[in-house]
Amino acid sequence: MKYIFVSGGVISGLGKGVTTASVALLLKSRGIKVTAIKCDAYMNVDAGTIRPQEHGEVFVTDDGIECDQDIGHYERFINENLNRTNYVTNGQIYQEIIRRERSFEYNGEDVEIVPHVPEEMIRRFKYAGRSNKADVVIIEVGGTVGEYQNVLFIEANRIMKYRDKEDVIHIHVGYLPTPTFLGEMKSKPVQTSVRVLSSSGIQPDFIIGRAEKPIDEPRKERIAWLCNIDKEDVISNPDVDSIYKIPIIFKEQKLDEKILRKLGIKAKKDDLKDWKKSVERIQKNNKVIKIGIVGKYATIGDYTLGDAYISVVESIKHAAWINNIKPEIKWIDAEKFTEGDLKEIDGIVIPGGFGKRGIEGKIKAIKYAREHGLPFLGLCLGLQMAVVEFARNICGLKDANSTEINPKTNYPVIDIMPEQKKFLEKSNYGATMRLGKYPCKLSLGTKASKLYETNEINERHRHRYEVNPKYHQILQKNGLIFSGLSPNKKLVEIIELKNHPFFVATQFHPEFKSRFTDPHPLFMGLIQASNK
């Protein structure tokens, strides 16, 4: 097995995740079996208990690990389902080391930060490679070099390079700003972050320069000279209007060939045809439709950050582009919602979430969509609030609610699942939700079954609350269609309405399964209805 480490410098959010995903795609296109690992330095065991505003979207894999959003990028680029071996946190590392120490698995040896922490990291990297049957393992180190909490991941890199020089390379993603008051691209931030990396014992093999514009030759020469690498190994990564262009930009600079040469891998296959066709399709899209995302995690201070809903945004793009449409996302703050927010919108998505904040705004948006024939797709909490709205305004259950929002409601149409109640009573929040892939049976003749073109599906979940079985009958009697149910018919997975252009909501998260070259059926349905 070969290993590629990816680090970043100066600021977070440079695009290490997309860089890792792009390199993985390029190697896969050359016939190399590849897998990617995200390393997060926080002490959380997983991302499940972290606020979206704090760390962006919580992504969920088939096997139910709550992980960093970069795992979503990896899946969308290489079009493969990853698993819990692809996600490593400091919390996992320390938890396992302490477990082993308490079980006397170190045979009386004194357990220390070094070497035991980096050795446990290395063990996990190699295990992930073996379990995914990979030829190349790409390891992205979250955050930036020089951060205290990242030191041990870099140390693991150093140890692996020391032991297997020919099998380990390092890609450093650096930042080249162009201050408006200077009007010139500056290379000092890259030089500084490479120097910090070098002080940890790592000499990068490639430097990928993130900047507004392509890096010119003088700056490539300066970076190469001052950072001790060949000029041809300075790779330009300018701002683009779509992240899916980045593999092609890397390909034009022969990054895949250079990596294979450094790792001593011979590869003849070279197939990016489908990817390039999909990218070309983006450029041809002239018609614009506006999709509103009614959420509560996107606004942070004076800024709107879409990372909390990144899989939703990408899923909208995937479906729009394949229909030769350019999507325009409009962020709608659920806490400040008014009907005027939807006047020029072609379709809306109500994404997942937790807690009371913004709930009534989401319900008002759903009511507007139902009454005005506005295409609507609800996800997880979106389904739950659609049921609440329907119960209140169609079934006559005036104060219907979810017990998560109002535990004393007279009509708990959404209630906690019995097994989940036991977890919360013990304050056992970590990794206890209904997580990962579960089967769902679809009713023939429904919108859902027509879009999926099958009667049984598997989708990813992340929730504690469900449609209360006590209210199934009255909801259906008044016209709410349960188009998808769990195999035992106890859990409502999909709802929809007749005589509406598109009113569909899911208890699961379809956005986690959408791919650039293979959009999700339900997002296809939303886009096609919005286009009309």
Protein backbone atom coordinates (compact mmCIF):
# COMPACT_ATOMS: atom_id res chain seq x y z
CA MET A 1 0.00 0.00 0.00
CA LYS A 2 1.01 3.58 -0.71
CA TYR A 3 0.07 6.62 1.37
CA ILE A 4 -0.52 10.28 0.53
CA PHE A 5 -0.84 12.81 3.34
CA VAL A 6 -2.62 16.11 2.67
CA SER A 7 -2.10 19.09 4.98
CA GLY A 8 -3.05 22.75 4.84
CA GLY A 9 -1.52 26.01 5.95
CA VAL A 10 -2.42 29.48 7.24
CA ILE A 11 -6.22 29.20 7.21
CA SER A 12 -8.81 26.44 7.34
CA GLY A 13 -11.37 26.15 4.57
CA LEU A 14 -8.76 26.24 1.79
CA GLY A 15 -10.19 23.16 0.14
CA LYS A 16 -8.09 20.29 1.48
CA GLY A 17 -11.17 18.06 1.36
CA VAL A 18 -11.88 18.82 -2.28
CA THR A 19 -8.16 18.50 -3.07
CA THR A 20 -8.12 15.06 -1.43
CA ALA A 21 -11.29 14.06 -3.28
CA SER A 22 -9.89 15.32 -6.59
CA VAL A 23 -6.62 13.40 -6.18
CA ALA A 24 -8.63 10.29 -5.27
CA LEU A 25 -10.72 10.66 -8.43
CA LEU A 26 -7.66 11.14 -10.63
CA LEU A 27 -5.99 8.01 -9.25
CA LYS A 28 -9.21 6.03 -9.57
CA SER A 29 -9.50 7.15 -13.20
CA ARG A 30 -6.07 5.55 -13.72
CA GLY A 31 -7.34 2.20 -12.47
CA ILE A 32 -5.91 2.57 -8.95
CA LYS A 33 -8.03 1.33 -6.04
CA VAL A 34 -8.05 4.28 -3.65
CA THR A 35 -9.61 5.24 -0.33
CA ALA A 36 -9.49 8.47 1.68
CA ILE A 37 -9.35 9.17 5.41
CA LYS A 38 -10.29 12.39 7.21
CA CYS A 39 -8.38 13.12 10.43
CA ASP A 40 -10.02 15.57 12.83
CA ALA A 41 -8.02 16.83 15.77
CA TYR A 42 -10.87 17.45 18.18
CA MET A 43 -11.39 15.23 21.21
CA ASN A 44 -14.95 14.36 20.19
CA VAL A 45 -15.22 10.68 19.31
CA ASP A 46 -17.29 11.65 16.27
CA ALA A 47 -19.02 14.73 14.84
CA GLY A 48 -22.47 13.80 16.11
CA THR A 49 -22.56 16.11 19.12
CA ILE A 50 -21.04 19.17 17.39
CA ARG A 51 -23.21 22.13 16.35
CA PRO A 52 -23.37 22.66 12.55
CA GLN A 53 -22.32 26.30 13.04
CA GLU A 54 -19.22 25.02 14.84
CA HIS A 55 -17.97 22.52 12.30
CA GLY A 56 -20.33 22.45 9.32
CA GLU A 57 -22.54 19.59 8.21
CA VAL A 58 -22.52 16.26 10.01
CA PHE A 59 -22.29 13.62 7.28
CA VAL A 60 -23.49 10.04 7.84
CA THR A 61 -22.21 6.89 6.11
CA ASP A 62 -24.08 3.66 5.40
CA ASP A 63 -22.67 2.07 8.56
CA GLY A 64 -23.84 5.00 10.68
CA ILE A 65 -20.70 6.95 11.61
CA GLU A 66 -21.42 10.66 12.13
CA CYS A 67 -18.46 12.32 10.50
CA ASP A 68 -16.96 15.38 8.90
CA GLN A 69 -18.47 16.85 5.73
CA ASP A 70 -15.27 16.05 3.80
CA ILE A 71 -16.28 12.37 3.79
CA GLY A 72 -19.22 13.56 1.70
CA HIS A 73 -16.83 15.18 -0.78
CA TYR A 74 -14.84 11.94 -1.03
CA GLU A 75 -17.99 9.92 -1.74
CA ARG A 76 -19.35 12.39 -4.28
CA PHE A 77 -16.08 12.48 -6.23
CA ILE A 78 -15.11 8.80 -6.29
CA ASN A 79 -18.74 7.59 -6.30
CA GLU A 80 -18.14 5.02 -3.57
CA ASN A 81 -19.69 4.46 -0.15
CA LEU A 82 -17.15 4.93 2.62
CA ASN A 83 -17.39 3.75 6.23
CA ARG A 84 -16.22 4.38 9.78
CA THR A 85 -12.65 3.33 8.99
CA ASN A 86 -12.40 6.45 6.81
CA TYR A 87 -12.82 8.81 9.75
CA VAL A 88 -10.31 9.28 12.58
CA THR A 89 -10.47 11.71 15.51
CA ASN A 90 -8.19 12.35 18.44
CA GLY A 91 -11.12 11.30 20.63
CA GLN A 92 -11.16 7.85 19.01
CA ILE A 93 -7.40 7.52 19.33
CA TYR A 94 -7.22 8.39 23.03
CA GLN A 95 -10.33 6.36 23.82
CA GLU A 96 -8.79 3.25 22.29
CA ILE A 97 -5.39 3.77 23.94
CA ILE A 98 -6.99 4.13 27.37
CA ARG A 99 -9.17 1.04 26.74
CA ARG A 100 -6.08 -0.98 25.83
CA GLU A 101 -4.16 0.30 28.85
CA ARG A 102 -7.01 -0.63 31.20
CA SER A 103 -7.13 -4.09 29.59
CA PHE A 104 -3.39 -4.58 30.17
CA GLU A 105 -2.78 -4.86 26.42
CA TYR A 106 0.46 -2.89 26.75
CA ASN A 107 1.85 -5.60 29.07
CA GLY A 108 2.88 -3.22 31.83
CA GLU A 109 4.66 -0.76 29.55
CA ASP A 110 4.27 2.92 30.44
CA VAL A 111 1.82 4.43 27.95
CA GLU A 112 2.95 7.76 26.54
CA ILE A 113 1.73 10.37 24.05
CA VAL A 114 4.71 9.48 21.85
CA PRO A 115 5.01 6.86 20.50
CA HIS A 116 1.63 5.35 21.40
CA VAL A 117 -0.66 8.02 19.95
CA PRO A 118 0.97 8.25 16.49
CA GLU A 119 1.36 4.45 16.42
CA GLU A 120 -2.39 4.05 17.01
CA MET A 121 -3.02 6.53 14.19
CA ILE A 122 -0.76 4.54 11.88
CA ARG A 123 -2.53 1.32 12.83
CA ARG A 124 -5.85 2.88 11.84
CA PHE A 125 -4.53 4.24 8.54
CA LYS A 126 -3.26 0.79 7.56
CA TYR A 127 -6.42 -0.94 8.73
CA ALA A 128 -8.56 1.46 6.65
CA GLY A 129 -6.44 0.66 3.62
CA ARG A 130 -6.72 -3.10 4.13
CA SER A 131 -10.45 -3.09 4.89
CA ASN A 132 -11.16 -0.97 1.79
CA LYS A 133 -8.73 -3.10 -0.27
CA ALA A 134 -6.91 0.05 -1.37
CA ASP A 135 -3.72 0.42 -3.35
CA VAL A 136 -3.39 4.04 -2.22
CA VAL A 137 -4.66 5.60 1.02
CA ILE A 138 -5.05 9.39 1.03
CA ILE A 139 -4.97 10.88 4.54
CA GLU A 140 -6.28 14.41 5.00
CA VAL A 141 -5.16 16.15 8.19
CA GLY A 142 -7.86 18.63 9.21
CA GLY A 143 -7.09 22.20 10.23
CA THR A 144 -3.68 23.71 9.57
CA VAL A 145 -0.07 22.76 10.23
CA GLY A 146 1.34 24.32 13.36
CA GLU A 147 -1.84 23.84 15.37
CA TYR A 148 -0.96 22.08 18.61
CA GLN A 149 -3.72 19.46 18.24
CA ASN A 150 -2.47 18.41 14.78
CA VAL A 151 1.13 17.75 15.80
CA LEU A 152 0.63 14.02 16.37
CA PHE A 153 -1.03 13.38 12.99
CA ILE A 154 2.00 15.02 11.38
CA GLU A 155 4.27 12.92 13.62
CA ALA A 156 2.48 9.79 12.36
CA ASN A 157 3.26 10.99 8.84
CA ARG A 158 6.94 11.48 9.77
CA ILE A 159 7.22 7.99 11.27
CA MET A 160 5.62 6.37 8.22
CA LYS A 161 7.92 8.30 5.87
CA TYR A 162 10.96 7.29 7.94
CA ARG A 163 10.00 3.60 7.78
CA ASP A 164 8.80 3.40 4.16
CA LYS A 165 10.38 6.25 2.20
CA GLU A 166 9.18 5.04 -1.20
CA ASP A 167 5.60 4.49 -0.11
CA VAL A 168 4.68 7.82 1.51
CA ILE A 169 4.37 11.29 -0.04
CA HIS A 170 2.98 14.59 1.24
CA ILE A 171 0.81 17.22 -0.47
CA HIS A 172 0.62 20.62 1.20
CA VAL A 173 -2.21 23.00 0.33
CA GLY A 174 -1.02 26.57 0.83
CA TYR A 175 -2.62 29.99 0.50
CA LEU A 176 -1.50 32.78 -1.84
CA PRO A 177 -3.59 35.89 -1.14
CA THR A 178 -3.84 38.88 -3.46
CA PRO A 179 -4.52 41.85 -1.13
CA THR A 180 -6.63 44.45 -2.93
CA PHE A 181 -4.46 47.30 -1.64
CA LEU A 182 -1.39 45.67 -3.23
CA GLY A 183 -2.83 44.08 -6.33
CA GLU A 184 -0.13 41.39 -6.26
CA MET A 185 -0.21 37.70 -5.36
CA LYS A 186 1.92 37.05 -2.29
CA SER A 187 3.76 33.79 -1.62
CA LYS A 188 4.91 34.46 1.98
CA PRO A 189 1.95 32.59 3.59
CA VAL A 190 2.91 29.44 1.64
CA GLN A 191 6.56 29.84 2.57
CA THR A 192 5.63 30.23 6.24
CA SER A 193 3.32 27.20 6.40
CA VAL A 194 5.89 25.02 4.59
CA ARG A 195 8.55 26.14 7.06
CA VAL A 196 6.25 25.15 9.94
CA LEU A 197 5.66 21.78 8.26
CA SER A 198 9.39 21.30 7.74
CA SER A 199 10.04 22.01 11.43
CA SER A 200 7.88 18.94 12.15
CA GLY A 201 10.15 16.79 10.02
CA ILE A 202 8.06 16.78 6.84
CA GLN A 203 9.27 18.01 3.47
CA PRO A 204 6.26 18.27 1.11
CA ASP A 205 6.48 16.54 -2.27
CA PHE A 206 3.85 18.82 -3.80
CA ILE A 207 2.58 22.28 -2.97
CA ILE A 208 -0.89 23.10 -4.18
CA GLY A 209 -1.35 26.84 -4.26
CA ARG A 210 -4.86 28.09 -3.50
CA ALA A 211 -5.42 31.54 -4.90
CA GLU A 212 -7.97 33.69 -6.70
CA LYS A 213 -6.08 33.28 -9.99
CA PRO A 214 -3.64 30.74 -11.46
CA ILE A 215 -0.11 31.00 -10.06
CA ASP A 216 2.24 32.67 -12.54
CA GLU A 217 5.72 31.39 -13.40
CA PRO A 218 7.74 33.85 -11.25
CA ARG A 219 5.83 32.82 -8.14
CA LYS A 220 6.11 29.13 -8.96
CA GLU A 221 9.87 29.58 -9.26
CA ARG A 222 10.02 31.48 -5.96
CA ILE A 223 7.94 28.89 -4.10
CA ALA A 224 10.04 26.05 -5.53
CA TRP A 225 13.33 27.73 -4.56
CA LEU A 226 12.28 28.77 -1.06
CA CYS A 227 10.33 25.59 -0.24
CA ASN A 228 12.91 23.17 -1.64
CA ILE A 229 10.78 21.39 -4.25
CA ASP A 230 10.84 21.12 -8.04
CA LYS A 231 8.99 23.88 -9.89
CA GLU A 232 6.86 21.31 -11.73
CA ASP A 233 5.57 20.12 -8.35
CA VAL A 234 4.03 23.50 -7.56
CA ILE A 235 0.42 22.99 -8.64
CA SER A 236 -1.97 25.86 -9.26
CA ASN A 237 -5.49 25.64 -7.81
CA PRO A 238 -7.36 28.89 -8.60
CA ASP A 239 -10.89 29.81 -7.58
CA VAL A 240 -13.50 28.16 -9.80
CA ASP A 241 -17.27 28.43 -10.12
CA SER A 242 -17.64 24.68 -9.51
CA ILE A 243 -15.51 22.39 -7.36
CA TYR A 244 -16.05 19.63 -9.92
CA LYS A 245 -13.66 21.40 -12.30
CA ILE A 246 -10.72 20.96 -9.94
CA PRO A 247 -9.79 17.37 -10.98
CA ILE A 248 -9.58 18.60 -14.57
CA ILE A 249 -7.39 21.56 -13.54
CA PHE A 250 -5.07 19.12 -11.72
CA LYS A 251 -5.15 16.76 -14.71
CA GLU A 252 -4.03 19.56 -17.05
CA GLN A 253 -0.96 19.98 -14.81
CA LYS A 254 -0.33 16.21 -14.89
CA LEU A 255 -0.66 15.89 -11.12
CA ASP A 256 -1.82 12.27 -11.42
CA GLU A 257 1.23 11.30 -13.50
CA LYS A 258 3.58 13.05 -11.09
CA ILE A 259 2.06 11.32 -8.07
CA LEU A 260 2.22 7.90 -9.70
CA ARG A 261 5.85 8.48 -10.64
CA LYS A 262 6.83 9.47 -7.09
CA LEU A 263 5.03 6.43 -5.67
CA GLY A 264 6.51 4.08 -8.26
CA ILE A 265 3.11 2.99 -9.60
CA LYS A 266 2.60 2.08 -13.25
CA ALA A 267 -0.91 2.79 -14.54
CA LYS A 268 -2.12 2.64 -18.13
CA LYS A 269 -5.84 3.31 -17.76
CA ASP A 270 -6.86 6.96 -18.04
CA ASP A 271 -10.60 7.57 -18.05
CA LEU A 272 -12.20 10.86 -17.02
CA LYS A 273 -14.67 10.96 -19.93
CA ASP A 274 -17.91 10.88 -17.92
CA TRP A 275 -16.59 13.43 -15.45
CA LYS A 276 -15.53 15.81 -18.22
CA LYS A 277 -18.92 15.48 -19.94
CA SER A 278 -20.68 16.34 -16.70
CA VAL A 279 -18.44 19.38 -16.21
CA GLU A 280 -19.07 20.51 -19.79
CA ARG A 281 -22.80 20.25 -19.14
CA ILE A 282 -22.50 22.83 -16.35
CA GLN A 283 -21.19 25.40 -18.80
CA LYS A 284 -24.17 24.96 -21.14
CA ASN A 285 -26.84 25.65 -18.53
CA ASN A 286 -28.58 28.94 -19.27
CA LYS A 287 -32.00 28.59 -17.66
CA VAL A 288 -32.02 29.61 -13.98
CA ILE A 289 -34.36 28.32 -11.28
CA LYS A 290 -34.36 29.59 -7.71
CA ILE A 291 -34.42 27.06 -4.90
CA GLY A 292 -34.94 28.29 -1.35
CA ILE A 293 -33.37 26.48 1.59
CA VAL A 294 -35.31 27.32 4.73
CA GLY A 295 -32.81 26.59 7.49
CA LYS A 296 -31.50 27.83 10.81
CA TYR A 297 -27.81 26.95 10.78
CA ALA A 298 -26.54 29.01 7.83
CA THR A 299 -26.40 32.46 9.49
CA ILE A 300 -23.39 33.14 11.71
CA GLY A 301 -23.04 36.76 12.82
CA ASP A 302 -22.93 38.92 9.70
CA TYR A 303 -22.19 35.98 7.41
CA THR A 304 -24.15 33.26 5.63
CA LEU A 305 -22.22 29.99 5.48
CA GLY A 306 -23.65 27.11 3.50
CA ASP A 307 -21.40 24.43 5.02
CA ALA A 308 -24.13 23.36 7.45
CA TYR A 309 -26.18 22.14 4.46
CA ILE A 310 -23.43 21.36 1.97
CA SER A 311 -24.81 17.96 0.88
CA VAL A 312 -28.23 19.53 0.25
CA VAL A 313 -26.67 22.27 -1.87
CA GLU A 314 -24.58 19.79 -3.87
CA SER A 315 -27.60 17.51 -4.39
CA ILE A 316 -29.60 20.44 -5.81
CA LYS A 317 -26.72 21.23 -8.18
CA HIS A 318 -26.34 17.60 -9.31
CA ALA A 319 -30.02 17.32 -10.24
CA ALA A 320 -30.21 20.77 -11.83
CA TRP A 321 -27.12 20.40 -13.98
CA ILE A 322 -28.15 17.05 -15.43
CA ASN A 323 -31.44 18.73 -16.46
CA ASN A 324 -29.48 21.55 -18.13
CA ILE A 325 -30.54 24.04 -15.48
CA LYS A 326 -28.50 26.50 -13.44
CA PRO A 327 -29.67 26.48 -9.81
CA GLU A 328 -29.64 29.66 -7.76
CA ILE A 329 -29.72 28.97 -4.03
CA LYS A 330 -31.56 31.46 -1.83
CA TRP A 331 -30.90 31.19 1.90
CA ILE A 332 -34.01 31.79 3.98
CA ASP A 333 -33.61 32.20 7.74
CA ALA A 334 -36.37 30.14 9.39
CA GLU A 335 -36.32 32.41 12.43
CA LYS A 336 -37.17 35.49 10.31
CA PHE A 337 -39.39 33.82 7.72
CA THR A 338 -42.19 35.73 5.96
CA GLU A 339 -44.26 34.62 2.97
CA GLY A 340 -42.55 37.35 0.97
CA ASP A 341 -39.37 35.23 1.09
CA LEU A 342 -41.02 32.75 -1.29
CA LYS A 343 -42.56 35.09 -3.87
CA GLU A 344 -39.88 34.57 -6.52
CA ILE A 345 -38.85 31.05 -5.50
CA ASP A 346 -39.40 28.05 -7.81
CA GLY A 347 -39.05 25.35 -5.13
CA ILE A 348 -38.01 24.92 -1.51
CA VAL A 349 -36.11 22.47 0.67
CA ILE A 350 -36.68 22.20 4.42
CA PRO A 351 -33.51 20.45 5.68
CA GLY A 352 -32.81 18.56 8.89
CA GLY A 353 -32.05 20.01 12.29
CA PHE A 354 -32.69 19.82 16.01
CA GLY A 355 -34.35 21.96 18.68
CA LYS A 356 -37.03 24.64 18.86
CA ARG A 357 -35.33 27.51 17.07
CA GLY A 358 -36.95 28.51 13.75
CA ILE A 359 -39.58 25.77 13.88
CA GLU A 360 -42.63 27.99 13.35
CA GLY A 361 -40.92 29.62 10.37
CA LYS A 362 -40.39 26.22 8.79
CA ILE A 363 -44.05 25.31 9.39
CA LYS A 364 -45.22 28.56 7.77
CA ALA A 365 -43.01 27.90 4.74
CA ILE A 366 -44.45 24.38 4.38
CA LYS A 367 -48.01 25.72 4.67
CA TYR A 368 -47.29 28.23 1.91
CA ALA A 369 -45.80 25.52 -0.32
CA ARG A 370 -48.79 23.23 0.24
CA GLU A 371 -51.40 25.92 -0.42
CA HIS A 372 -49.67 27.60 -3.38
CA GLY A 373 -48.45 24.52 -5.24
CA LEU A 374 -44.80 25.39 -4.64
CA PRO A 375 -42.57 22.32 -5.12
CA PHE A 376 -41.36 21.17 -1.70
CA LEU A 377 -38.86 18.60 -0.46
CA GLY A 378 -38.61 18.00 3.28
CA LEU A 379 -35.65 16.21 4.84
CA CYS A 380 -35.82 14.58 8.30
CA LEU A 381 -37.03 17.54 10.41
CA GLY A 382 -38.64 18.75 7.18
CA LEU A 383 -40.88 15.68 7.14
CA GLN A 384 -41.71 16.07 10.81
CA MET A 385 -42.74 19.71 10.41
CA ALA A 386 -44.76 18.84 7.27
CA VAL A 387 -46.71 16.33 9.38
CA VAL A 388 -47.22 18.94 12.11
CA GLU A 389 -48.46 21.50 9.57
CA PHE A 390 -50.83 18.99 7.98
CA ALA A 391 -52.17 17.87 11.37
CA ARG A 392 -52.83 21.45 12.47
CA ASN A 393 -54.34 22.87 9.30
CA ILE A 394 -55.97 19.87 7.58
CA CYS A 395 -56.75 17.43 10.38
CA GLY A 396 -57.94 20.11 12.81
CA LEU A 397 -55.43 19.18 15.56
CA LYS A 398 -54.79 22.83 16.37
CA ASP A 399 -51.76 22.63 18.65
CA ALA A 400 -50.25 19.50 17.08
CA ASN A 401 -46.49 19.39 17.50
CA SER A 402 -43.41 17.28 18.03
CA THR A 403 -42.61 16.36 21.61
CA GLU A 404 -39.07 17.55 20.87
CA ILE A 405 -40.52 21.06 20.46
CA ASN A 406 -43.41 20.94 22.95
CA PRO A 407 -43.36 17.95 25.32
CA LYS A 408 -46.81 18.91 26.62
CA THR A 409 -48.63 19.15 23.29
CA ASN A 410 -52.14 17.65 23.25
CA TYR A 411 -51.45 16.11 19.84
CA PRO A 412 -47.92 14.64 19.72
CA VAL A 413 -48.02 13.71 16.02
CA ILE A 414 -44.22 13.46 16.14
CA ASP A 415 -42.81 11.61 19.14
CA ILE A 416 -39.55 10.14 20.31
CA MET A 417 -38.91 6.53 19.36
CA PRO A 418 -39.23 4.25 22.45
CA GLU A 419 -35.63 3.00 22.33
CA GLN A 420 -34.38 6.58 21.93
CA LYS A 421 -36.20 7.69 25.09
CA LYS A 422 -34.04 5.30 27.15
CA PHE A 423 -30.86 6.86 25.77
CA LEU A 424 -31.94 10.41 26.58
CA GLU A 425 -33.00 9.48 30.10
CA LYS A 426 -29.38 8.47 30.71
CA SER A 427 -28.01 11.53 28.82
CA ASN A 428 -26.49 9.10 26.35
CA TYR A 429 -26.33 11.32 23.26
CA GLY A 430 -23.24 10.15 21.39
CA ALA A 431 -23.87 7.80 18.43
CA THR A 432 -27.26 6.69 19.82
CA MET A 433 -29.63 8.06 17.17
CA ARG A 434 -31.14 5.90 14.46
CA LEU A 435 -28.06 6.12 12.25
CA GLY A 436 -26.98 4.83 8.87
CA LYS A 437 -28.61 2.71 6.18
CA TYR A 438 -32.09 1.22 6.66
CA PRO A 439 -34.49 -0.38 4.14
CA CYS A 440 -37.75 1.23 3.06
CA LYS A 441 -40.71 -0.22 1.13
CA LEU A 442 -42.40 2.07 -1.40
CA SER A 443 -46.09 2.06 -2.33
CA LEU A 444 -46.66 1.47 -6.03
CA GLY A 445 -48.07 4.36 -8.04
CA THR A 446 -46.71 7.05 -5.72
CA LYS A 447 -44.36 9.85 -6.78
CA ALA A 448 -41.61 8.24 -4.72
CA SER A 449 -41.90 4.84 -6.42
CA LYS A 450 -41.98 6.45 -9.88
CA LEU A 451 -38.87 8.52 -9.16
CA TYR A 452 -36.92 5.61 -7.67
CA GLU A 453 -38.28 3.18 -10.29
CA THR A 454 -38.37 0.43 -7.68
CA ASN A 455 -40.42 -0.60 -4.65
CA GLU A 456 -37.57 -1.09 -2.15
CA ILE A 457 -34.74 1.30 -1.29
CA ASN A 458 -32.02 1.80 1.31
CA GLU A 459 -31.33 5.29 2.67
CA ARG A 460 -29.31 6.90 5.45
CA HIS A 461 -30.91 8.12 8.67
CA ARG A 462 -30.04 10.41 11.56
CA HIS A 463 -32.94 11.02 13.94
CA ARG A 464 -34.60 10.22 17.27
CA TYR A 465 -38.18 11.27 16.52
CA GLU A 466 -40.75 9.69 14.22
CA VAL A 467 -44.35 10.06 13.09
CA ASN A 468 -46.42 8.86 16.06
CA PRO A 469 -48.22 5.59 15.10
CA LYS A 470 -51.27 6.77 17.11
CA TYR A 471 -51.91 9.40 14.44
CA HIS A 472 -51.22 7.35 11.31
CA GLN A 473 -54.93 6.73 10.68
CA ILE A 474 -56.19 10.32 10.99
CA LEU A 475 -53.32 11.66 8.88
CA GLN A 476 -53.97 9.19 6.07
CA LYS A 477 -57.73 9.62 6.32
CA ASN A 478 -57.29 13.32 5.60
CA GLY A 479 -55.14 12.74 2.54
CA LEU A 480 -51.53 12.44 3.69
CA ILE A 481 -49.93 9.62 1.71
CA PHE A 482 -47.40 7.38 3.41
CA SER A 483 -45.53 6.42 0.26
CA GLY A 484 -42.57 4.84 2.07
CA LEU A 485 -42.61 2.67 5.20
CA SER A 486 -40.13 0.54 7.11
CA PRO A 487 -40.46 -3.17 6.24
CA ASN A 488 -42.50 -3.78 9.42
CA LYS A 489 -44.77 -0.82 8.43
CA LYS A 490 -44.30 0.86 11.82
CA LEU A 491 -42.09 3.78 10.74
CA VAL A 492 -43.07 6.40 8.17
CA GLU A 493 -40.14 7.06 5.86
CA ILE A 494 -41.72 9.11 3.04
CA ILE A 495 -44.87 11.24 2.84
CA GLU A 496 -46.42 13.02 -0.14
CA LEU A 497 -49.59 14.71 -1.33
CA LYS A 498 -51.77 14.15 -4.38
CA ASN A 499 -52.87 17.04 -6.58
CA HIS A 500 -49.70 18.98 -5.92
CA PRO A 501 -46.81 19.56 -8.37
CA PHE A 502 -44.33 18.09 -5.88
CA PHE A 503 -44.87 17.75 -2.15
CA VAL A 504 -42.56 15.03 -0.82
CA ALA A 505 -40.75 14.65 2.50
CA THR A 506 -38.45 11.97 3.88
CA GLN A 507 -37.44 10.88 7.37
CA PHE A 508 -34.05 9.89 5.94
CA HIS A 509 -31.38 12.05 4.32
CA PRO A 510 -31.31 11.49 0.55
CA GLU A 511 -28.71 14.24 0.17
CA PHE A 512 -26.07 11.86 1.53
CA LYS A 513 -26.47 9.53 -1.47
CA SER A 514 -26.42 12.04 -4.34
CA ARG A 515 -23.43 12.02 -6.71
CA PHE A 516 -22.13 14.48 -9.30
CA THR A 517 -22.58 11.97 -12.14
CA ASP A 518 -25.57 10.23 -10.54
CA PRO A 519 -28.09 12.69 -8.96
CA HIS A 520 -30.56 11.48 -6.34
CA PRO A 521 -34.07 10.66 -7.68
CA LEU A 522 -35.91 12.82 -5.14
CA PHE A 523 -33.83 15.89 -5.93
CA MET A 524 -34.45 15.15 -9.60
CA GLY A 525 -38.16 15.24 -8.86
CA LEU A 526 -37.87 18.56 -7.03
CA ILE A 527 -35.83 20.19 -9.81
CA GLN A 528 -38.10 18.94 -12.60
CA ALA A 529 -41.22 20.18 -10.78
CA SER A 530 -39.55 23.51 -9.97
CA ASN A 531 -38.55 23.89 -13.62
CA LYS A 532 -42.20 23.64 -14.65
